[in-house]
């Protein structure tokens, strides 16, 4: 009997306005978390970010994340520290309580990916220092200079991308 080729599992479809069942949302979280990990995000921050994206109001406490993902509080703590640092979520105080709530913005990738001034400034300066130290005429210096120029180019181009994104969002 010939074997059937393996196919990727498809996330269940959820109609707009209808909360997904826990099983459906968990499948989406795991699939999105795996995709983010494949793209280079650390695995636990990927799963935490995915859980927040999938949550209807995008707000969860550490305890809720721990329960949702079946992981330790320490794993959640490290993941939210990373995600806060890269600008994919923010920490708020629970209304009327003492617990922190982690909140993902509806347009979370926008802020994280377009914050190039902060992200690249240190690298650009380190590359410039490397060119000065190694010499612009050396092979390594030329490589560092090209890398610096690329990051400066990306930083400058990002403003145009942001403008085009805002125009696109206005037409949705």
N, C-alpha and C. Protein backbone atom coordinates (compact mmCIF):
# COMPACT_ATOMS: atom_id res chain seq x y z
N UNK A 1 0.83 -1.17 0.00
CA UNK A 1 0.00 0.00 0.00
C UNK A 1 0.88 1.24 0.00
N UNK A 2 0.72 2.13 -0.95
CA UNK A 2 1.54 3.33 -0.95
C UNK A 2 1.14 4.26 0.20
N UNK A 3 2.16 4.90 0.74
CA UNK A 3 1.87 5.82 1.84
C UNK A 3 1.44 7.16 1.27
N UNK A 4 0.61 7.85 2.03
CA UNK A 4 0.15 9.17 1.63
C UNK A 4 1.17 10.20 2.05
N UNK A 5 1.37 11.23 1.26
CA UNK A 5 2.31 12.28 1.66
C UNK A 5 1.76 13.03 2.88
N UNK A 6 2.68 13.40 3.75
CA UNK A 6 2.29 14.16 4.93
C UNK A 6 1.87 15.56 4.51
N UNK A 7 0.81 16.04 5.11
CA UNK A 7 0.36 17.40 4.84
C UNK A 7 0.36 18.18 6.13
N UNK A 8 0.56 19.46 6.01
CA UNK A 8 0.57 20.33 7.19
C UNK A 8 -0.85 20.43 7.74
N UNK A 9 -0.95 20.40 9.04
CA UNK A 9 -2.25 20.57 9.69
C UNK A 9 -2.75 21.98 9.45
N UNK A 10 -4.01 22.11 9.20
CA UNK A 10 -4.59 23.42 8.98
C UNK A 10 -5.29 23.86 10.24
N UNK A 11 -5.12 25.12 10.57
CA UNK A 11 -5.79 25.67 11.73
C UNK A 11 -7.29 25.72 11.45
N UNK A 12 -8.11 25.37 12.43
CA UNK A 12 -9.55 25.43 12.24
C UNK A 12 -9.99 26.86 11.93
N UNK A 13 -11.00 27.00 11.09
CA UNK A 13 -11.54 28.30 10.75
C UNK A 13 -12.53 28.72 11.83
N UNK A 14 -12.45 29.98 12.21
CA UNK A 14 -13.36 30.52 13.21
C UNK A 14 -14.07 31.69 12.55
N UNK A 15 -15.39 31.71 12.69
CA UNK A 15 -16.12 32.81 12.07
C UNK A 15 -15.92 34.08 12.89
N UNK A 16 -15.98 35.21 12.20
CA UNK A 16 -15.76 36.51 12.83
C UNK A 16 -16.78 36.73 13.94
N UNK A 17 -16.29 37.22 15.09
CA UNK A 17 -17.16 37.52 16.20
C UNK A 17 -17.46 36.34 17.10
N UNK A 18 -17.04 35.14 16.71
CA UNK A 18 -17.27 33.95 17.52
C UNK A 18 -15.99 33.54 18.19
N UNK A 19 -15.97 33.49 19.54
CA UNK A 19 -14.74 33.07 20.21
C UNK A 19 -14.39 31.63 19.82
N UNK A 20 -13.13 31.40 19.59
CA UNK A 20 -12.67 30.06 19.24
C UNK A 20 -12.74 29.17 20.47
N UNK A 21 -13.00 27.91 20.26
CA UNK A 21 -12.94 27.00 21.39
C UNK A 21 -11.50 26.91 21.87
N UNK A 22 -11.32 26.43 23.08
CA UNK A 22 -9.97 26.34 23.63
C UNK A 22 -9.09 25.46 22.75
N UNK A 23 -9.62 24.35 22.25
CA UNK A 23 -8.84 23.44 21.41
C UNK A 23 -8.42 24.13 20.12
N UNK A 24 -9.35 24.86 19.51
CA UNK A 24 -9.02 25.56 18.26
C UNK A 24 -7.98 26.64 18.49
N UNK A 25 -8.16 27.43 19.55
CA UNK A 25 -7.20 28.50 19.80
C UNK A 25 -5.84 27.93 20.16
N UNK A 26 -5.82 26.82 20.89
CA UNK A 26 -4.54 26.20 21.24
C UNK A 26 -3.80 25.73 19.98
N UNK A 27 -4.54 25.18 19.03
CA UNK A 27 -3.92 24.72 17.78
C UNK A 27 -3.33 25.91 17.02
N UNK A 28 -4.04 27.04 17.00
CA UNK A 28 -3.53 28.23 16.32
C UNK A 28 -2.29 28.75 17.04
N UNK A 29 -2.33 28.77 18.37
CA UNK A 29 -1.17 29.23 19.15
C UNK A 29 0.05 28.39 18.83
N UNK A 30 -0.10 27.09 18.84
CA UNK A 30 1.05 26.21 18.60
C UNK A 30 1.57 26.34 17.18
N UNK A 31 0.68 26.47 16.22
CA UNK A 31 1.13 26.61 14.83
C UNK A 31 1.83 27.95 14.61
N UNK A 32 1.25 29.03 15.12
CA UNK A 32 1.86 30.35 14.98
C UNK A 32 3.18 30.41 15.77
N UNK A 33 3.19 29.84 16.96
CA UNK A 33 4.42 29.81 17.76
C UNK A 33 5.54 29.08 17.01
N UNK A 34 5.20 27.97 16.38
CA UNK A 34 6.20 27.22 15.61
C UNK A 34 6.69 28.03 14.41
N UNK A 35 5.78 28.75 13.75
CA UNK A 35 6.18 29.57 12.60
C UNK A 35 7.11 30.70 13.04
N UNK A 36 6.81 31.33 14.16
CA UNK A 36 7.67 32.39 14.67
C UNK A 36 9.04 31.84 15.05
N UNK A 37 9.07 30.66 15.65
CA UNK A 37 10.34 30.03 16.02
C UNK A 37 11.16 29.72 14.77
N UNK A 38 10.51 29.22 13.75
CA UNK A 38 11.20 28.93 12.49
C UNK A 38 11.80 30.20 11.90
N UNK A 39 11.11 31.34 12.12
CA UNK A 39 11.59 32.62 11.60
C UNK A 39 12.70 33.22 12.45
N UNK A 40 13.04 32.58 13.58
CA UNK A 40 14.17 33.05 14.38
C UNK A 40 13.84 33.55 15.77
N UNK A 41 12.56 33.64 16.12
CA UNK A 41 12.20 34.02 17.48
C UNK A 41 12.50 32.87 18.42
N UNK A 42 12.88 33.15 19.65
CA UNK A 42 13.05 32.06 20.62
C UNK A 42 11.71 31.34 20.82
N UNK A 43 11.75 30.04 21.07
CA UNK A 43 10.51 29.25 21.15
C UNK A 43 9.49 29.73 22.19
N UNK A 44 9.90 29.97 23.41
CA UNK A 44 8.91 30.34 24.43
C UNK A 44 8.32 31.73 24.18
N UNK A 45 9.12 32.75 23.86
CA UNK A 45 8.49 34.02 23.48
C UNK A 45 7.55 33.88 22.28
N UNK A 46 7.86 33.00 21.36
CA UNK A 46 6.99 32.77 20.21
C UNK A 46 5.63 32.27 20.66
N UNK A 47 5.61 31.32 21.56
CA UNK A 47 4.34 30.76 22.04
C UNK A 47 3.56 31.78 22.86
N UNK A 48 4.26 32.54 23.72
CA UNK A 48 3.58 33.55 24.53
C UNK A 48 2.98 34.63 23.63
N UNK A 49 3.74 35.10 22.67
CA UNK A 49 3.25 36.12 21.74
C UNK A 49 2.04 35.59 20.98
N UNK A 50 2.12 34.35 20.51
CA UNK A 50 1.01 33.75 19.78
C UNK A 50 -0.23 33.64 20.67
N UNK A 51 -0.05 33.26 21.93
CA UNK A 51 -1.19 33.14 22.85
C UNK A 51 -1.87 34.49 23.05
N UNK A 52 -1.08 35.55 23.16
CA UNK A 52 -1.65 36.88 23.32
C UNK A 52 -2.35 37.35 22.05
N UNK A 53 -1.78 37.05 20.89
CA UNK A 53 -2.42 37.43 19.63
C UNK A 53 -3.77 36.73 19.45
N UNK A 54 -3.85 35.49 19.88
CA UNK A 54 -5.05 34.69 19.70
C UNK A 54 -6.12 35.02 20.74
N UNK A 55 -5.72 35.51 21.89
CA UNK A 55 -6.67 35.85 22.95
C UNK A 55 -7.59 36.97 22.47
N UNK A 56 -8.89 36.85 22.72
CA UNK A 56 -9.86 37.83 22.20
C UNK A 56 -9.51 39.26 22.55
N UNK A 57 -9.14 39.54 23.80
CA UNK A 57 -8.83 40.93 24.15
C UNK A 57 -7.33 41.21 24.17
N UNK A 58 -6.51 40.20 23.86
CA UNK A 58 -5.06 40.40 23.78
C UNK A 58 -4.42 40.73 25.11
N UNK A 59 -5.07 40.34 26.20
CA UNK A 59 -4.59 40.65 27.55
C UNK A 59 -4.61 39.36 28.37
N UNK A 60 -3.47 39.02 28.96
CA UNK A 60 -3.41 37.84 29.82
C UNK A 60 -2.44 38.09 30.97
N UNK A 61 -2.75 37.50 32.11
CA UNK A 61 -1.84 37.55 33.24
C UNK A 61 -0.81 36.44 33.09
N UNK A 62 0.20 36.50 33.90
CA UNK A 62 1.21 35.44 33.89
C UNK A 62 0.57 34.09 34.21
N UNK A 63 -0.34 34.07 35.17
CA UNK A 63 -1.01 32.82 35.54
C UNK A 63 -1.82 32.27 34.37
N UNK A 64 -2.51 33.16 33.64
CA UNK A 64 -3.29 32.71 32.49
C UNK A 64 -2.38 32.15 31.39
N UNK A 65 -1.26 32.81 31.15
CA UNK A 65 -0.31 32.31 30.16
C UNK A 65 0.28 30.98 30.59
N UNK A 66 0.59 30.86 31.87
CA UNK A 66 1.12 29.61 32.41
C UNK A 66 0.14 28.46 32.18
N UNK A 67 -1.14 28.72 32.49
CA UNK A 67 -2.17 27.69 32.29
C UNK A 67 -2.38 27.39 30.81
N UNK A 68 -2.48 28.43 29.99
CA UNK A 68 -2.74 28.25 28.57
C UNK A 68 -1.66 27.43 27.88
N UNK A 69 -0.41 27.69 28.24
CA UNK A 69 0.72 27.06 27.55
C UNK A 69 1.29 25.85 28.29
N UNK A 70 0.79 25.58 29.49
CA UNK A 70 1.29 24.47 30.32
C UNK A 70 2.80 24.57 30.52
N UNK A 71 3.22 25.75 30.98
CA UNK A 71 4.64 25.99 31.24
C UNK A 71 4.79 26.61 32.62
N UNK A 72 6.02 26.74 33.05
CA UNK A 72 6.29 27.30 34.37
C UNK A 72 6.16 28.82 34.38
N UNK A 73 5.89 29.39 35.55
CA UNK A 73 5.88 30.85 35.65
C UNK A 73 7.23 31.47 35.24
N UNK A 74 8.32 30.79 35.52
CA UNK A 74 9.64 31.30 35.14
C UNK A 74 9.78 31.38 33.62
N UNK A 75 9.23 30.40 32.91
CA UNK A 75 9.29 30.42 31.44
C UNK A 75 8.50 31.60 30.89
N UNK A 76 7.33 31.86 31.48
CA UNK A 76 6.51 33.00 31.05
C UNK A 76 7.24 34.30 31.36
N UNK A 77 7.84 34.39 32.54
CA UNK A 77 8.55 35.60 32.94
C UNK A 77 9.67 35.96 31.95
N UNK A 78 10.47 34.97 31.60
CA UNK A 78 11.54 35.21 30.64
C UNK A 78 11.02 35.59 29.27
N UNK A 79 9.93 34.96 28.85
CA UNK A 79 9.35 35.24 27.55
C UNK A 79 8.78 36.66 27.49
N UNK A 80 8.06 37.07 28.52
CA UNK A 80 7.48 38.43 28.48
C UNK A 80 8.56 39.48 28.62
N UNK A 81 9.64 39.18 29.32
CA UNK A 81 10.76 40.12 29.39
C UNK A 81 11.34 40.34 28.00
N UNK A 82 11.53 39.26 27.26
CA UNK A 82 12.04 39.35 25.88
C UNK A 82 11.06 40.12 24.99
N UNK A 83 9.79 39.77 25.04
CA UNK A 83 8.78 40.39 24.17
C UNK A 83 8.59 41.87 24.48
N UNK A 84 8.71 42.23 25.75
CA UNK A 84 8.62 43.64 26.13
C UNK A 84 9.82 44.40 25.58
N UNK A 85 10.98 43.77 25.69
CA UNK A 85 12.22 44.40 25.20
C UNK A 85 12.17 44.68 23.70
N UNK A 86 11.63 43.75 22.93
CA UNK A 86 11.59 43.93 21.48
C UNK A 86 10.34 44.69 21.03
N UNK A 87 9.49 45.10 21.95
CA UNK A 87 8.36 45.95 21.63
C UNK A 87 7.13 45.24 21.10
N UNK A 88 7.00 43.95 21.37
CA UNK A 88 5.83 43.23 20.88
C UNK A 88 4.69 43.18 21.90
N UNK A 89 4.96 43.54 23.13
CA UNK A 89 3.89 43.63 24.12
C UNK A 89 4.28 44.64 25.18
N UNK A 90 3.28 45.01 25.98
CA UNK A 90 3.54 45.91 27.09
C UNK A 90 2.94 45.32 28.36
N UNK A 91 3.47 45.75 29.46
CA UNK A 91 3.01 45.30 30.77
C UNK A 91 2.15 46.40 31.38
N UNK A 92 0.99 46.00 31.90
CA UNK A 92 0.10 46.94 32.58
C UNK A 92 -0.28 46.34 33.93
N UNK A 93 -0.72 47.17 34.83
CA UNK A 93 -1.24 46.71 36.11
C UNK A 93 -2.70 46.32 35.91
N UNK A 94 -3.10 45.15 36.42
CA UNK A 94 -4.48 44.71 36.31
C UNK A 94 -5.40 45.73 36.99
N UNK A 95 -6.47 46.07 36.32
CA UNK A 95 -7.40 47.07 36.86
C UNK A 95 -7.91 46.64 38.23
N UNK A 96 -7.69 47.51 39.22
CA UNK A 96 -8.16 47.23 40.57
C UNK A 96 -7.42 46.10 41.27
N UNK A 97 -6.31 45.65 40.73
CA UNK A 97 -5.59 44.53 41.32
C UNK A 97 -4.11 44.82 41.46
N UNK A 98 -3.42 43.80 41.89
CA UNK A 98 -1.98 43.94 42.09
C UNK A 98 -1.17 43.16 41.07
N UNK A 99 -1.86 42.42 40.19
CA UNK A 99 -1.15 41.60 39.22
C UNK A 99 -0.89 42.36 37.93
N UNK A 100 0.19 41.97 37.29
CA UNK A 100 0.51 42.53 35.98
C UNK A 100 -0.29 41.80 34.91
N UNK A 101 -0.66 42.53 33.88
CA UNK A 101 -1.32 41.97 32.71
C UNK A 101 -0.42 42.29 31.53
N UNK A 102 -0.24 41.32 30.66
CA UNK A 102 0.58 41.51 29.48
C UNK A 102 -0.36 41.72 28.30
N UNK A 103 -0.10 42.78 27.54
CA UNK A 103 -1.01 43.23 26.49
C UNK A 103 -0.26 43.28 25.17
N UNK A 104 -0.86 42.69 24.17
CA UNK A 104 -0.31 42.77 22.82
C UNK A 104 -1.12 43.82 22.07
N UNK A 105 -0.43 44.65 21.32
CA UNK A 105 -1.11 45.66 20.53
C UNK A 105 -1.71 45.01 19.29
N UNK A 106 -2.82 45.57 18.80
CA UNK A 106 -3.45 45.01 17.60
C UNK A 106 -2.48 45.01 16.43
N UNK A 107 -1.63 46.01 16.35
CA UNK A 107 -0.67 46.15 15.26
C UNK A 107 0.75 45.94 15.82
N UNK A 108 0.94 44.85 16.55
CA UNK A 108 2.17 44.62 17.30
C UNK A 108 3.42 44.59 16.43
N UNK A 109 3.35 43.96 15.28
CA UNK A 109 4.54 43.87 14.44
C UNK A 109 4.98 45.25 13.95
N UNK A 110 4.03 46.14 13.74
CA UNK A 110 4.35 47.48 13.25
C UNK A 110 5.39 48.15 14.14
N UNK A 111 5.10 48.24 15.41
CA UNK A 111 6.02 48.92 16.32
C UNK A 111 7.36 48.23 16.43
N UNK A 112 7.34 46.92 16.49
CA UNK A 112 8.59 46.18 16.65
C UNK A 112 9.48 46.27 15.42
N UNK A 113 8.88 46.22 14.25
CA UNK A 113 9.67 46.20 13.03
C UNK A 113 10.04 47.58 12.52
N UNK A 114 9.31 48.60 12.94
CA UNK A 114 9.59 49.93 12.43
C UNK A 114 10.38 50.79 13.40
N UNK A 115 10.72 50.26 14.52
CA UNK A 115 11.50 51.00 15.52
C UNK A 115 12.99 50.88 15.22
N UNK A 116 13.36 51.18 13.99
CA UNK A 116 14.72 50.93 13.53
C UNK A 116 15.75 51.85 14.16
N UNK A 117 15.35 53.07 14.53
CA UNK A 117 16.32 53.98 15.15
C UNK A 117 16.93 53.34 16.39
N UNK A 118 16.10 52.82 17.26
CA UNK A 118 16.60 52.19 18.48
C UNK A 118 17.27 50.85 18.19
N UNK A 119 16.67 50.08 17.30
CA UNK A 119 17.19 48.74 17.02
C UNK A 119 18.56 48.79 16.37
N UNK A 120 18.73 49.65 15.37
CA UNK A 120 19.95 49.64 14.58
C UNK A 120 21.01 50.64 15.02
N UNK A 121 20.66 51.62 15.83
CA UNK A 121 21.61 52.68 16.18
C UNK A 121 22.89 52.12 16.80
N UNK A 122 22.75 51.20 17.74
CA UNK A 122 23.93 50.61 18.38
C UNK A 122 24.78 49.81 17.41
N UNK A 123 24.12 49.08 16.53
CA UNK A 123 24.86 48.29 15.54
C UNK A 123 25.57 49.19 14.54
N UNK A 124 24.89 50.24 14.10
CA UNK A 124 25.51 51.18 13.15
C UNK A 124 26.74 51.81 13.77
N UNK A 125 26.64 52.22 15.03
CA UNK A 125 27.78 52.83 15.70
C UNK A 125 28.92 51.83 15.88
N UNK A 126 28.60 50.60 16.25
CA UNK A 126 29.62 49.57 16.42
C UNK A 126 30.31 49.26 15.09
N UNK A 127 29.54 49.22 14.02
CA UNK A 127 30.12 48.99 12.70
C UNK A 127 31.04 50.15 12.31
N UNK A 128 30.61 51.38 12.59
CA UNK A 128 31.45 52.55 12.28
C UNK A 128 32.74 52.51 13.08
N UNK A 129 32.63 52.15 14.36
CA UNK A 129 33.82 52.02 15.19
C UNK A 129 34.75 50.93 14.66
N UNK A 130 34.16 49.84 14.17
CA UNK A 130 34.95 48.75 13.60
C UNK A 130 35.70 49.19 12.36
N UNK A 131 35.04 49.98 11.51
CA UNK A 131 35.69 50.51 10.30
C UNK A 131 36.86 51.40 10.71
N UNK A 132 36.63 52.27 11.70
CA UNK A 132 37.70 53.15 12.17
C UNK A 132 38.86 52.35 12.72
N UNK A 133 38.55 51.31 13.46
CA UNK A 133 39.59 50.50 14.10
C UNK A 133 40.36 49.64 13.08
N UNK A 134 39.63 49.02 12.16
CA UNK A 134 40.27 48.10 11.21
C UNK A 134 40.79 48.80 9.96
N UNK A 135 40.26 49.98 9.69
CA UNK A 135 40.65 50.71 8.49
C UNK A 135 39.70 50.46 7.35
N UNK A 136 39.27 51.56 6.72
CA UNK A 136 38.30 51.46 5.62
C UNK A 136 38.86 50.71 4.42
N UNK A 137 40.18 50.64 4.30
CA UNK A 137 40.79 49.96 3.16
C UNK A 137 40.96 48.47 3.34
N UNK A 138 40.81 47.98 4.56
CA UNK A 138 40.97 46.54 4.79
C UNK A 138 39.72 45.79 4.31
N UNK A 139 39.88 44.52 4.02
CA UNK A 139 38.74 43.71 3.59
C UNK A 139 37.65 43.68 4.66
N UNK A 140 38.05 43.48 5.90
CA UNK A 140 37.07 43.47 6.99
C UNK A 140 36.42 44.84 7.15
N UNK A 141 37.21 45.91 7.03
CA UNK A 141 36.67 47.26 7.12
C UNK A 141 35.66 47.55 6.03
N UNK A 142 35.93 47.07 4.83
CA UNK A 142 34.99 47.26 3.72
C UNK A 142 33.69 46.50 3.98
N UNK A 143 33.82 45.29 4.53
CA UNK A 143 32.64 44.49 4.86
C UNK A 143 31.80 45.18 5.92
N UNK A 144 32.47 45.70 6.96
CA UNK A 144 31.77 46.42 8.02
C UNK A 144 31.10 47.69 7.47
N UNK A 145 31.77 48.38 6.59
CA UNK A 145 31.21 49.60 6.00
C UNK A 145 29.97 49.28 5.17
N UNK A 146 30.02 48.22 4.40
CA UNK A 146 28.87 47.82 3.60
C UNK A 146 27.69 47.47 4.52
N UNK A 147 27.97 46.77 5.60
CA UNK A 147 26.92 46.42 6.57
C UNK A 147 26.34 47.69 7.19
N UNK A 148 27.19 48.62 7.54
CA UNK A 148 26.74 49.90 8.11
C UNK A 148 25.85 50.64 7.12
N UNK A 149 26.28 50.72 5.87
CA UNK A 149 25.50 51.42 4.86
C UNK A 149 24.14 50.75 4.65
N UNK A 150 24.12 49.43 4.69
CA UNK A 150 22.85 48.71 4.53
C UNK A 150 21.89 49.07 5.66
N UNK A 151 22.37 49.03 6.91
CA UNK A 151 21.50 49.35 8.04
C UNK A 151 21.04 50.81 8.01
N UNK A 152 21.90 51.70 7.58
CA UNK A 152 21.49 53.10 7.42
C UNK A 152 20.43 53.23 6.33
N UNK A 153 20.59 52.49 5.25
CA UNK A 153 19.61 52.48 4.16
C UNK A 153 18.26 51.97 4.65
N UNK A 154 18.28 50.86 5.38
CA UNK A 154 17.04 50.28 5.92
C UNK A 154 16.35 51.28 6.84
N UNK A 155 17.12 51.94 7.69
CA UNK A 155 16.56 52.93 8.61
C UNK A 155 15.89 54.07 7.84
N UNK A 156 16.54 54.56 6.80
CA UNK A 156 15.95 55.64 6.01
C UNK A 156 14.71 55.18 5.24
N UNK A 157 14.75 53.98 4.70
CA UNK A 157 13.62 53.47 3.92
C UNK A 157 12.41 53.15 4.78
N UNK A 158 12.63 52.87 6.05
CA UNK A 158 11.54 52.48 6.93
C UNK A 158 10.47 53.56 7.03
N UNK A 159 10.86 54.83 6.98
CA UNK A 159 9.85 55.89 7.08
C UNK A 159 8.88 55.81 5.90
N UNK A 160 9.37 55.51 4.72
CA UNK A 160 8.49 55.35 3.56
C UNK A 160 7.57 54.15 3.71
N UNK A 161 8.10 53.08 4.26
CA UNK A 161 7.29 51.88 4.49
C UNK A 161 6.19 52.19 5.49
N UNK A 162 6.52 52.92 6.54
CA UNK A 162 5.52 53.28 7.55
C UNK A 162 4.41 54.12 6.92
N UNK A 163 4.79 55.10 6.10
CA UNK A 163 3.79 55.94 5.43
C UNK A 163 2.88 55.11 4.53
N UNK A 164 3.46 54.18 3.76
CA UNK A 164 2.66 53.34 2.87
C UNK A 164 1.75 52.42 3.68
N UNK A 165 2.23 51.91 4.81
CA UNK A 165 1.40 51.05 5.66
C UNK A 165 0.22 51.83 6.21
N UNK A 166 0.46 53.04 6.69
CA UNK A 166 -0.62 53.86 7.24
C UNK A 166 -1.66 54.16 6.16
N UNK A 167 -1.23 54.45 4.94
CA UNK A 167 -2.15 54.69 3.83
C UNK A 167 -2.95 53.42 3.53
N UNK A 168 -2.30 52.29 3.54
CA UNK A 168 -2.98 51.01 3.30
C UNK A 168 -4.03 50.74 4.37
N UNK A 169 -3.64 50.93 5.64
CA UNK A 169 -4.58 50.69 6.74
C UNK A 169 -5.82 51.58 6.63
N UNK A 170 -5.64 52.79 6.16
CA UNK A 170 -6.76 53.72 6.03
C UNK A 170 -7.77 53.26 4.98
N UNK A 171 -7.35 52.40 4.05
CA UNK A 171 -8.24 51.93 3.00
C UNK A 171 -8.85 50.57 3.31
N UNK A 172 -8.47 49.94 4.38
CA UNK A 172 -8.98 48.60 4.72
C UNK A 172 -10.43 48.63 5.09
